[in-house]
Amino acid sequence: MLDLSWTELFFVGVLALIIIGPKDLPELFQIFGRFTAKLKRMYAGMQGSMNQLTKEVNIVNGKAQPGDESWKAFLPEDIRNLPADFTPGSMSAEQHAKRRSKIDEARKQADVARKAKEQRNE
């Protein structure tokens, strides 16, 4: 760490006790503890940001891990919800909206049927 031996640490502790005094020494340790905790939180936050940035750069460069679908989280929700067979320009926005409403309606009906079946089984 700081390459201090036990005798050197003991000497620093005695010196701090003499200079600062026994009354203020616990308060100094509390301040030092809060400061180191804040530094650790800042470091962890910075490290998390760097990891996130690395993931984003890898996604942009096409170096993402196989099977990693985390890049989809960066897409707008409308694009994430597009059908797998959707081809841009293949249908108008109105046609796509009608198709989307039919799909949503079918999902709602399936959910209602599933819930009714679960209630019958209970």
N, C-alpha and C. Protein backbone atom coordinates (compact mmCIF):
# COMPACT_ATOMS: atom_id res chain seq x y z
N MET A 1 0.84 -1.18 0.00
CA MET A 1 0.00 0.00 0.00
C MET A 1 0.88 1.24 0.00
N LEU A 2 1.27 1.70 1.16
CA LEU A 2 2.18 2.85 1.27
C LEU A 2 3.59 2.42 1.62
N ASP A 3 3.80 1.12 1.73
CA ASP A 3 5.09 0.55 2.06
C ASP A 3 5.58 1.05 3.42
N LEU A 4 4.69 1.01 4.40
CA LEU A 4 5.03 1.39 5.77
C LEU A 4 5.05 0.14 6.64
N SER A 5 6.03 0.03 7.50
CA SER A 5 6.09 -1.10 8.43
C SER A 5 5.21 -0.79 9.65
N TRP A 6 5.03 -1.80 10.50
CA TRP A 6 4.20 -1.62 11.68
C TRP A 6 4.79 -0.57 12.62
N THR A 7 6.09 -0.54 12.73
CA THR A 7 6.70 0.46 13.63
C THR A 7 6.50 1.86 13.09
N GLU A 8 6.58 2.02 11.78
CA GLU A 8 6.36 3.35 11.20
C GLU A 8 4.91 3.78 11.38
N LEU A 9 3.97 2.85 11.18
CA LEU A 9 2.56 3.17 11.40
C LEU A 9 2.30 3.53 12.86
N PHE A 10 2.91 2.81 13.78
CA PHE A 10 2.78 3.12 15.20
C PHE A 10 3.32 4.51 15.50
N PHE A 11 4.46 4.85 14.92
CA PHE A 11 5.05 6.17 15.11
C PHE A 11 4.14 7.26 14.58
N VAL A 12 3.55 7.05 13.40
CA VAL A 12 2.62 8.04 12.82
C VAL A 12 1.40 8.18 13.72
N GLY A 13 0.87 7.07 14.25
CA GLY A 13 -0.28 7.13 15.15
C GLY A 13 0.01 7.90 16.42
N VAL A 14 1.17 7.67 17.04
CA VAL A 14 1.55 8.39 18.25
C VAL A 14 1.73 9.86 17.95
N LEU A 15 2.35 10.17 16.82
CA LEU A 15 2.56 11.57 16.42
C LEU A 15 1.21 12.27 16.20
N ALA A 16 0.26 11.58 15.53
CA ALA A 16 -1.07 12.16 15.32
C ALA A 16 -1.78 12.37 16.65
N LEU A 17 -1.63 11.43 17.57
CA LEU A 17 -2.26 11.56 18.88
C LEU A 17 -1.70 12.76 19.63
N ILE A 18 -0.40 13.00 19.52
CA ILE A 18 0.22 14.14 20.20
C ILE A 18 -0.18 15.45 19.54
N ILE A 19 -0.13 15.52 18.21
CA ILE A 19 -0.40 16.77 17.50
C ILE A 19 -1.89 17.11 17.51
N ILE A 20 -2.74 16.16 17.17
CA ILE A 20 -4.18 16.43 17.05
C ILE A 20 -4.87 16.37 18.40
N GLY A 21 -4.48 15.44 19.21
CA GLY A 21 -5.09 15.31 20.53
C GLY A 21 -6.09 14.18 20.55
N PRO A 22 -6.31 13.61 21.73
CA PRO A 22 -7.21 12.46 21.83
C PRO A 22 -8.68 12.82 21.61
N LYS A 23 -9.04 14.10 21.81
CA LYS A 23 -10.42 14.51 21.63
C LYS A 23 -10.82 14.54 20.16
N ASP A 24 -9.96 15.10 19.33
CA ASP A 24 -10.29 15.31 17.92
C ASP A 24 -9.87 14.15 17.01
N LEU A 25 -9.12 13.20 17.50
CA LEU A 25 -8.64 12.10 16.67
C LEU A 25 -9.79 11.23 16.12
N PRO A 26 -10.81 10.85 16.93
CA PRO A 26 -11.92 10.06 16.35
C PRO A 26 -12.67 10.81 15.26
N GLU A 27 -12.85 12.12 15.44
CA GLU A 27 -13.52 12.92 14.42
C GLU A 27 -12.71 12.95 13.13
N LEU A 28 -11.39 13.04 13.26
CA LEU A 28 -10.52 13.02 12.09
C LEU A 28 -10.63 11.69 11.35
N PHE A 29 -10.70 10.58 12.11
CA PHE A 29 -10.84 9.27 11.48
C PHE A 29 -12.20 9.15 10.76
N GLN A 30 -13.25 9.72 11.34
CA GLN A 30 -14.55 9.70 10.68
C GLN A 30 -14.51 10.47 9.37
N ILE A 31 -13.91 11.64 9.39
CA ILE A 31 -13.78 12.45 8.17
C ILE A 31 -12.97 11.69 7.12
N PHE A 32 -11.88 11.08 7.56
CA PHE A 32 -11.05 10.31 6.64
C PHE A 32 -11.82 9.12 6.07
N GLY A 33 -12.61 8.45 6.90
CA GLY A 33 -13.42 7.32 6.45
C GLY A 33 -14.47 7.73 5.43
N ARG A 34 -15.16 8.86 5.70
CA ARG A 34 -16.15 9.36 4.74
C ARG A 34 -15.49 9.72 3.41
N PHE A 35 -14.32 10.34 3.50
CA PHE A 35 -13.60 10.75 2.29
C PHE A 35 -13.20 9.53 1.46
N THR A 36 -12.67 8.50 2.11
CA THR A 36 -12.27 7.31 1.36
C THR A 36 -13.49 6.59 0.79
N ALA A 37 -14.62 6.58 1.52
CA ALA A 37 -15.84 5.95 0.99
C ALA A 37 -16.33 6.70 -0.25
N LYS A 38 -16.27 8.03 -0.20
CA LYS A 38 -16.68 8.83 -1.35
C LYS A 38 -15.77 8.57 -2.54
N LEU A 39 -14.47 8.46 -2.28
CA LEU A 39 -13.53 8.15 -3.37
C LEU A 39 -13.83 6.79 -3.98
N LYS A 40 -14.14 5.80 -3.14
CA LYS A 40 -14.46 4.46 -3.65
C LYS A 40 -15.71 4.49 -4.51
N ARG A 41 -16.75 5.24 -4.06
CA ARG A 41 -17.98 5.34 -4.86
C ARG A 41 -17.71 6.01 -6.19
N MET A 42 -16.91 7.08 -6.17
CA MET A 42 -16.58 7.78 -7.41
C MET A 42 -15.83 6.85 -8.36
N TYR A 43 -14.89 6.09 -7.82
CA TYR A 43 -14.11 5.17 -8.64
C TYR A 43 -15.00 4.09 -9.24
N ALA A 44 -15.91 3.54 -8.43
CA ALA A 44 -16.81 2.50 -8.92
C ALA A 44 -17.73 3.05 -10.01
N GLY A 45 -18.23 4.28 -9.82
CA GLY A 45 -19.07 4.90 -10.83
C GLY A 45 -18.32 5.14 -12.12
N MET A 46 -17.09 5.61 -12.00
CA MET A 46 -16.28 5.86 -13.18
C MET A 46 -15.96 4.55 -13.90
N GLN A 47 -15.66 3.52 -13.13
CA GLN A 47 -15.35 2.22 -13.73
C GLN A 47 -16.58 1.65 -14.44
N GLY A 48 -17.76 1.81 -13.84
CA GLY A 48 -18.99 1.35 -14.48
C GLY A 48 -19.26 2.11 -15.77
N SER A 49 -19.01 3.42 -15.76
CA SER A 49 -19.20 4.21 -16.97
C SER A 49 -18.24 3.78 -18.07
N MET A 50 -17.01 3.50 -17.69
CA MET A 50 -16.02 3.06 -18.68
C MET A 50 -16.41 1.69 -19.26
N ASN A 51 -16.91 0.79 -18.41
CA ASN A 51 -17.35 -0.52 -18.90
C ASN A 51 -18.52 -0.36 -19.86
N GLN A 52 -19.47 0.52 -19.53
CA GLN A 52 -20.61 0.76 -20.40
C GLN A 52 -20.15 1.35 -21.72
N LEU A 53 -19.21 2.29 -21.67
CA LEU A 53 -18.68 2.89 -22.89
C LEU A 53 -17.98 1.85 -23.74
N THR A 54 -17.24 0.95 -23.11
CA THR A 54 -16.56 -0.11 -23.85
C THR A 54 -17.57 -1.01 -24.55
N LYS A 55 -18.66 -1.36 -23.85
CA LYS A 55 -19.71 -2.17 -24.47
C LYS A 55 -20.31 -1.46 -25.68
N GLU A 56 -20.60 -0.16 -25.52
CA GLU A 56 -21.20 0.59 -26.62
C GLU A 56 -20.26 0.67 -27.81
N VAL A 57 -18.98 0.90 -27.56
CA VAL A 57 -18.00 0.97 -28.66
C VAL A 57 -17.90 -0.39 -29.35
N ASN A 58 -17.89 -1.47 -28.58
CA ASN A 58 -17.83 -2.80 -29.18
C ASN A 58 -19.07 -3.09 -30.02
N ILE A 59 -20.22 -2.62 -29.55
CA ILE A 59 -21.45 -2.82 -30.32
C ILE A 59 -21.38 -2.05 -31.63
N VAL A 60 -20.92 -0.80 -31.57
CA VAL A 60 -20.83 0.03 -32.78
C VAL A 60 -19.83 -0.56 -33.76
N ASN A 61 -18.73 -1.08 -33.26
CA ASN A 61 -17.69 -1.65 -34.13
C ASN A 61 -18.00 -3.08 -34.55
N GLY A 62 -19.09 -3.64 -34.07
CA GLY A 62 -19.45 -5.00 -34.44
C GLY A 62 -18.66 -6.07 -33.71
N LYS A 63 -18.10 -5.74 -32.57
CA LYS A 63 -17.29 -6.70 -31.82
C LYS A 63 -18.04 -7.25 -30.61
N ALA A 64 -19.36 -7.15 -30.62
CA ALA A 64 -20.14 -7.64 -29.48
C ALA A 64 -20.05 -9.16 -29.41
N GLN A 65 -20.26 -9.69 -28.24
CA GLN A 65 -20.22 -11.13 -28.02
C GLN A 65 -21.38 -11.80 -28.78
N PRO A 66 -21.16 -13.00 -29.31
CA PRO A 66 -22.26 -13.71 -29.98
C PRO A 66 -23.40 -13.96 -29.01
N GLY A 67 -24.61 -13.70 -29.46
CA GLY A 67 -25.77 -13.90 -28.61
C GLY A 67 -26.05 -12.74 -27.67
N ASP A 68 -25.22 -11.72 -27.70
CA ASP A 68 -25.41 -10.57 -26.82
C ASP A 68 -26.45 -9.65 -27.44
N GLU A 69 -27.58 -9.54 -26.78
CA GLU A 69 -28.68 -8.72 -27.30
C GLU A 69 -28.78 -7.38 -26.58
N SER A 70 -27.76 -6.99 -25.84
CA SER A 70 -27.83 -5.76 -25.06
C SER A 70 -27.88 -4.52 -25.95
N TRP A 71 -27.45 -4.65 -27.19
CA TRP A 71 -27.48 -3.50 -28.09
C TRP A 71 -28.91 -3.06 -28.37
N LYS A 72 -29.87 -3.97 -28.22
CA LYS A 72 -31.26 -3.61 -28.49
C LYS A 72 -31.80 -2.60 -27.49
N ALA A 73 -31.19 -2.53 -26.32
CA ALA A 73 -31.63 -1.59 -25.29
C ALA A 73 -31.39 -0.14 -25.73
N PHE A 74 -30.48 0.07 -26.66
CA PHE A 74 -30.17 1.42 -27.12
C PHE A 74 -31.13 1.89 -28.22
N LEU A 75 -31.95 0.99 -28.75
CA LEU A 75 -32.89 1.34 -29.81
C LEU A 75 -34.16 1.93 -29.21
N PRO A 76 -34.83 2.83 -29.95
CA PRO A 76 -36.12 3.33 -29.47
C PRO A 76 -37.12 2.18 -29.37
N GLU A 77 -38.10 2.34 -28.50
CA GLU A 77 -39.06 1.25 -28.25
C GLU A 77 -39.84 0.88 -29.50
N ASP A 78 -40.18 1.86 -30.35
CA ASP A 78 -40.92 1.57 -31.57
C ASP A 78 -40.14 0.61 -32.46
N ILE A 79 -38.85 0.82 -32.55
CA ILE A 79 -38.02 -0.03 -33.41
C ILE A 79 -37.83 -1.40 -32.77
N ARG A 80 -37.69 -1.45 -31.45
CA ARG A 80 -37.54 -2.73 -30.76
C ARG A 80 -38.76 -3.62 -30.94
N ASN A 81 -39.94 -3.00 -31.08
CA ASN A 81 -41.18 -3.77 -31.18
C ASN A 81 -41.57 -4.12 -32.61
N LEU A 82 -40.72 -3.81 -33.58
CA LEU A 82 -41.04 -4.16 -34.96
C LEU A 82 -41.03 -5.68 -35.12
N PRO A 83 -41.90 -6.20 -35.99
CA PRO A 83 -41.89 -7.64 -36.24
C PRO A 83 -40.56 -8.06 -36.87
N ALA A 84 -40.19 -9.31 -36.67
CA ALA A 84 -38.91 -9.80 -37.19
C ALA A 84 -38.87 -9.78 -38.71
N ASP A 85 -40.05 -9.93 -39.36
CA ASP A 85 -40.07 -9.98 -40.82
C ASP A 85 -40.30 -8.61 -41.46
N PHE A 86 -40.25 -7.54 -40.68
CA PHE A 86 -40.49 -6.20 -41.22
C PHE A 86 -39.31 -5.75 -42.08
N THR A 87 -39.63 -5.29 -43.29
CA THR A 87 -38.62 -4.74 -44.19
C THR A 87 -38.95 -3.27 -44.40
N PRO A 88 -38.02 -2.36 -44.15
CA PRO A 88 -38.30 -0.94 -44.32
C PRO A 88 -38.75 -0.64 -45.75
N GLY A 89 -39.83 0.11 -45.86
CA GLY A 89 -40.35 0.51 -47.17
C GLY A 89 -41.27 -0.52 -47.78
N SER A 90 -41.46 -1.67 -47.15
CA SER A 90 -42.30 -2.71 -47.73
C SER A 90 -43.79 -2.41 -47.56
N MET A 91 -44.14 -1.60 -46.57
CA MET A 91 -45.54 -1.21 -46.39
C MET A 91 -45.59 0.21 -45.85
N SER A 92 -46.71 0.85 -46.07
CA SER A 92 -46.84 2.23 -45.61
C SER A 92 -46.98 2.26 -44.10
N ALA A 93 -46.86 3.45 -43.55
CA ALA A 93 -46.99 3.60 -42.10
C ALA A 93 -48.39 3.22 -41.64
N GLU A 94 -49.40 3.55 -42.46
CA GLU A 94 -50.78 3.20 -42.09
C GLU A 94 -50.98 1.69 -42.07
N GLN A 95 -50.43 1.01 -43.09
CA GLN A 95 -50.55 -0.45 -43.13
C GLN A 95 -49.84 -1.07 -41.92
N HIS A 96 -48.70 -0.52 -41.62
CA HIS A 96 -47.95 -1.05 -40.48
C HIS A 96 -48.71 -0.80 -39.18
N ALA A 97 -49.34 0.37 -39.04
CA ALA A 97 -50.11 0.67 -37.83
C ALA A 97 -51.29 -0.30 -37.70
N LYS A 98 -51.96 -0.60 -38.83
CA LYS A 98 -53.08 -1.55 -38.79
C LYS A 98 -52.58 -2.94 -38.37
N ARG A 99 -51.44 -3.33 -38.95
CA ARG A 99 -50.87 -4.64 -38.61
C ARG A 99 -50.50 -4.68 -37.13
N ARG A 100 -49.93 -3.59 -36.65
CA ARG A 100 -49.53 -3.52 -35.25
C ARG A 100 -50.75 -3.62 -34.34
N SER A 101 -51.84 -2.93 -34.70
CA SER A 101 -53.05 -2.98 -33.86
C SER A 101 -53.64 -4.38 -33.85
N LYS A 102 -53.60 -5.08 -35.00
CA LYS A 102 -54.09 -6.46 -35.03
C LYS A 102 -53.24 -7.36 -34.14
N ILE A 103 -51.94 -7.17 -34.20
CA ILE A 103 -51.04 -7.98 -33.36
C ILE A 103 -51.30 -7.70 -31.89
N ASP A 104 -51.44 -6.43 -31.52
CA ASP A 104 -51.70 -6.07 -30.12
C ASP A 104 -53.03 -6.65 -29.65
N GLU A 105 -54.05 -6.59 -30.53
CA GLU A 105 -55.36 -7.14 -30.17
C GLU A 105 -55.27 -8.65 -29.97
N ALA A 106 -54.54 -9.33 -30.84
CA ALA A 106 -54.38 -10.78 -30.71
C ALA A 106 -53.64 -11.12 -29.41
N ARG A 107 -52.65 -10.33 -29.06
CA ARG A 107 -51.92 -10.57 -27.81
C ARG A 107 -52.84 -10.40 -26.60
N LYS A 108 -53.68 -9.36 -26.64
CA LYS A 108 -54.61 -9.13 -25.53
C LYS A 108 -55.58 -10.30 -25.39
N GLN A 109 -56.10 -10.77 -26.54
CA GLN A 109 -57.03 -11.90 -26.50
C GLN A 109 -56.34 -13.16 -25.96
N ALA A 110 -55.10 -13.37 -26.36
CA ALA A 110 -54.35 -14.53 -25.88
C ALA A 110 -54.10 -14.42 -24.38
N ASP A 111 -53.81 -13.21 -23.90
CA ASP A 111 -53.60 -13.01 -22.46
C ASP A 111 -54.88 -13.30 -21.68
N VAL A 112 -56.02 -12.82 -22.21
CA VAL A 112 -57.30 -13.06 -21.54
C VAL A 112 -57.59 -14.56 -21.50
N ALA A 113 -57.35 -15.24 -22.62
CA ALA A 113 -57.60 -16.69 -22.68
C ALA A 113 -56.67 -17.44 -21.72
N ARG A 114 -55.41 -17.02 -21.65
CA ARG A 114 -54.46 -17.68 -20.76
C ARG A 114 -54.86 -17.49 -19.30
N LYS A 115 -55.28 -16.26 -18.95
CA LYS A 115 -55.70 -16.00 -17.57
C LYS A 115 -56.95 -16.80 -17.21
N ALA A 116 -57.89 -16.91 -18.16
CA ALA A 116 -59.10 -17.69 -17.90
C ALA A 116 -58.76 -19.16 -17.70
N LYS A 117 -57.82 -19.65 -18.49
CA LYS A 117 -57.41 -21.05 -18.36
C LYS A 117 -56.72 -21.29 -17.02
N GLU A 118 -55.90 -20.34 -16.59
CA GLU A 118 -55.22 -20.46 -15.29
C GLU A 118 -56.23 -20.46 -14.14
N GLN A 119 -57.27 -19.64 -14.27
CA GLN A 119 -58.29 -19.59 -13.21
C GLN A 119 -59.09 -20.89 -13.15
N ARG A 120 -59.34 -21.51 -14.32
CA ARG A 120 -60.06 -22.78 -14.33
C ARG A 120 -59.22 -23.89 -13.71
N ASN A 121 -57.90 -23.82 -13.91
CA ASN A 121 -57.01 -24.86 -13.39
C ASN A 121 -56.80 -24.75 -11.88
N GLU A 122 -57.08 -23.61 -11.31
CA GLU A 122 -56.86 -23.42 -9.87
C GLU A 122 -57.96 -23.95 -9.07
